[in-house]
């Protein structure tokens, strides 16, 4: 049950990302001049990532940072959420977290908020969170004996109905 703690932290962070991004804008005064029409087309948005691509992105972000576990099958059926973790035998550092963040950015994720408890990202309709935590001694003694830290990567999005 304690393993669920990592998932819960990341899921809460992902929910915070969702609610934090929906702030209402401040109305502004209308401009006095209309902007001139643009002759160039705005760049088209990249195609939306599939669930399989998101899983691959999260897996690649943590490569080499610990033992990989796909936690997605443990989620509620039908939830459009992807979660994985990396359990490390060494204490992870902010450098490790930055490495994982850079890998996500290289795969097309846009950096969102950066806070001590984690980093948020977006890619199309997907919102992701990355968090690192040291595993407490009492948990290590019971179920996660050789591991000292964990990196949790979770993403929520919109999946097609099946």
Protein backbone atom coordinates (compact mmCIF):
# COMPACT_ATOMS: atom_id res chain seq x y z
CA UNK A 1 0.00 0.00 0.00
CA UNK A 2 2.91 2.33 0.67
CA UNK A 3 3.96 1.98 -2.99
CA UNK A 4 0.73 3.77 -3.80
CA UNK A 5 2.16 6.85 -2.03
CA UNK A 6 4.41 7.68 -4.97
CA UNK A 7 1.48 7.33 -7.35
CA UNK A 8 -0.71 9.48 -5.13
CA UNK A 9 1.86 12.29 -4.98
CA UNK A 10 2.23 12.32 -8.75
CA UNK A 11 -1.52 12.09 -9.33
CA UNK A 12 -2.16 14.99 -6.96
CA UNK A 13 0.50 16.97 -8.79
CA UNK A 14 -1.13 16.18 -12.13
CA UNK A 15 -4.50 17.32 -10.81
CA UNK A 16 -2.87 20.51 -9.53
CA UNK A 17 -1.46 21.07 -12.99
CA UNK A 18 -4.92 20.72 -14.49
CA UNK A 19 -6.58 23.09 -12.04
CA UNK A 20 -3.66 25.53 -12.01
CA UNK A 21 -3.74 25.98 -15.76
CA UNK A 22 -7.35 27.12 -15.90
CA UNK A 23 -6.97 30.56 -14.41
CA UNK A 24 -9.12 33.27 -15.91
CA UNK A 25 -7.32 35.99 -17.79
CA UNK A 26 -7.48 39.63 -16.82
CA UNK A 27 -9.52 41.62 -19.30
CA UNK A 28 -7.47 44.14 -21.18
CA UNK A 29 -8.38 47.39 -22.82
CA UNK A 30 -9.06 47.07 -26.54
CA UNK A 31 -6.21 48.25 -28.72
CA UNK A 32 -6.72 51.44 -30.66
CA UNK A 33 -5.33 50.02 -33.91
CA UNK A 34 -6.34 46.72 -35.40
CA UNK A 35 -3.36 44.52 -36.11
CA UNK A 36 -2.44 44.16 -39.76
CA UNK A 37 -3.46 40.87 -41.39
CA UNK A 38 -0.68 38.34 -41.44
CA UNK A 39 0.36 36.83 -44.74
CA UNK A 40 1.97 33.81 -43.13
CA UNK A 41 0.05 30.89 -41.72
CA UNK A 42 0.57 30.12 -38.07
CA UNK A 43 2.49 26.88 -37.53
CA UNK A 44 0.22 23.88 -37.26
CA UNK A 45 0.07 22.07 -33.96
CA UNK A 46 1.91 18.77 -33.81
CA UNK A 47 -0.31 15.71 -33.96
CA UNK A 48 -1.67 14.59 -30.59
CA UNK A 49 0.34 11.92 -28.82
CA UNK A 50 -1.21 8.51 -28.41
CA UNK A 51 -1.29 6.78 -25.05
CA UNK A 52 1.45 4.42 -26.25
CA UNK A 53 3.66 7.39 -27.20
CA UNK A 54 3.12 8.96 -23.77
CA UNK A 55 4.11 5.69 -22.09
CA UNK A 56 7.25 5.55 -24.26
CA UNK A 57 8.08 9.19 -23.42
CA UNK A 58 7.78 8.63 -19.67
CA UNK A 59 9.83 5.47 -19.88
CA UNK A 60 12.57 7.18 -21.89
CA UNK A 61 12.69 10.18 -19.53
CA UNK A 62 13.79 8.01 -16.61
CA UNK A 63 16.15 5.74 -18.53
CA UNK A 64 19.18 4.86 -16.41
CA UNK A 65 17.77 6.44 -13.25
CA UNK A 66 16.50 3.24 -11.65
CA UNK A 67 14.38 0.12 -12.05
CA UNK A 68 11.33 0.84 -14.24
CA UNK A 69 7.80 -0.06 -13.17
CA UNK A 70 4.74 0.69 -15.26
CA UNK A 71 2.01 1.54 -12.75
CA UNK A 72 -0.66 2.17 -15.41
CA UNK A 73 -2.31 -1.28 -15.05
CA UNK A 74 -2.94 -0.50 -11.36
CA UNK A 75 -5.07 2.55 -12.22
CA UNK A 76 -8.83 2.52 -12.55
CA UNK A 77 -9.99 0.87 -15.77
CA UNK A 78 -10.83 3.46 -18.39
CA UNK A 79 -8.79 6.23 -16.75
CA UNK A 80 -6.82 8.13 -19.30
CA UNK A 81 -3.77 8.36 -17.12
CA UNK A 82 -0.28 6.92 -17.50
CA UNK A 83 2.05 6.47 -14.56
CA UNK A 84 5.48 4.97 -14.17
CA UNK A 85 8.22 5.06 -11.60
CA UNK A 86 11.92 4.50 -11.35
CA UNK A 87 13.27 3.07 -8.10
CA UNK A 88 16.93 3.87 -7.51
CA UNK A 89 19.49 2.23 -5.27
CA UNK A 90 21.13 5.64 -4.84
CA UNK A 91 19.76 8.96 -3.70
CA UNK A 92 18.53 10.88 -6.74
CA UNK A 93 19.53 14.50 -7.16
CA UNK A 94 18.07 17.57 -8.81
CA UNK A 95 20.50 16.86 -11.65
CA UNK A 96 18.71 13.55 -12.25
CA UNK A 97 15.34 15.30 -12.27
CA UNK A 98 16.64 17.90 -14.73
CA UNK A 99 17.93 15.11 -16.97
CA UNK A 100 14.49 13.48 -17.03
CA UNK A 101 12.89 16.88 -17.70
CA UNK A 102 15.27 17.56 -20.59
CA UNK A 103 14.47 14.18 -22.10
CA UNK A 104 10.76 14.95 -22.02
CA UNK A 105 11.40 18.30 -23.69
CA UNK A 106 13.45 16.58 -26.40
CA UNK A 107 10.42 14.38 -27.07
CA UNK A 108 8.19 17.42 -27.60
CA UNK A 109 6.86 18.15 -24.09
CA UNK A 110 6.65 21.81 -23.09
CA UNK A 111 7.95 22.78 -19.67
CA UNK A 112 5.29 24.08 -17.30
CA UNK A 113 5.67 24.97 -13.64
CA UNK A 114 8.79 24.03 -11.74
CA UNK A 115 8.38 23.66 -7.99
CA UNK A 116 10.38 21.88 -5.31
CA UNK A 117 7.84 19.06 -5.24
CA UNK A 118 7.88 18.51 -8.98
CA UNK A 119 7.80 19.75 -12.54
CA UNK A 120 4.80 19.94 -14.87
CA UNK A 121 4.71 19.54 -18.65
CA UNK A 122 2.19 19.68 -21.47
CA UNK A 123 1.97 18.02 -24.84
CA UNK A 124 -1.25 18.67 -26.73
CA UNK A 125 -4.11 17.44 -24.52
CA UNK A 126 -1.70 15.66 -22.16
CA UNK A 127 -0.58 17.13 -18.82
CA UNK A 128 2.34 15.48 -17.07
CA UNK A 129 4.13 15.72 -13.74
CA UNK A 130 7.54 14.54 -12.65
CA UNK A 131 8.39 14.15 -8.96
CA UNK A 132 11.28 12.72 -6.99
CA UNK A 133 11.19 11.46 -3.42
CA UNK A 134 13.49 9.74 -0.97
CA UNK A 135 12.04 6.45 0.26
CA UNK A 136 11.61 6.53 4.06
CA UNK A 137 13.55 3.90 6.03
CA UNK A 138 10.42 2.15 7.34
CA UNK A 139 9.13 1.62 3.78
CA UNK A 140 12.53 0.45 2.55
CA UNK A 141 12.72 -2.07 5.37
CA UNK A 142 9.38 -3.62 4.45
CA UNK A 143 8.97 -3.67 0.68
CA UNK A 144 11.61 -1.65 -1.08
CA UNK A 145 14.74 -2.80 0.75
CA UNK A 146 17.45 -2.01 -1.78
CA UNK A 147 16.01 1.29 -3.00
CA UNK A 148 16.78 4.75 -1.62
CA UNK A 149 14.74 7.02 -3.90
CA UNK A 150 12.02 7.05 -6.50
CA UNK A 151 11.17 9.12 -9.54
CA UNK A 152 7.48 9.20 -10.48
CA UNK A 153 6.27 10.29 -13.91
CA UNK A 154 2.55 10.60 -14.53
CA UNK A 155 0.42 12.03 -17.31
CA UNK A 156 -3.31 12.63 -17.80
CA UNK A 157 -4.91 13.24 -21.13
CA UNK A 158 -7.79 12.55 -23.42
CA UNK A 159 -7.97 9.06 -24.81
CA UNK A 160 -10.29 7.91 -27.57
CA UNK A 161 -13.24 5.82 -26.45
CA UNK A 162 -12.78 2.12 -27.09
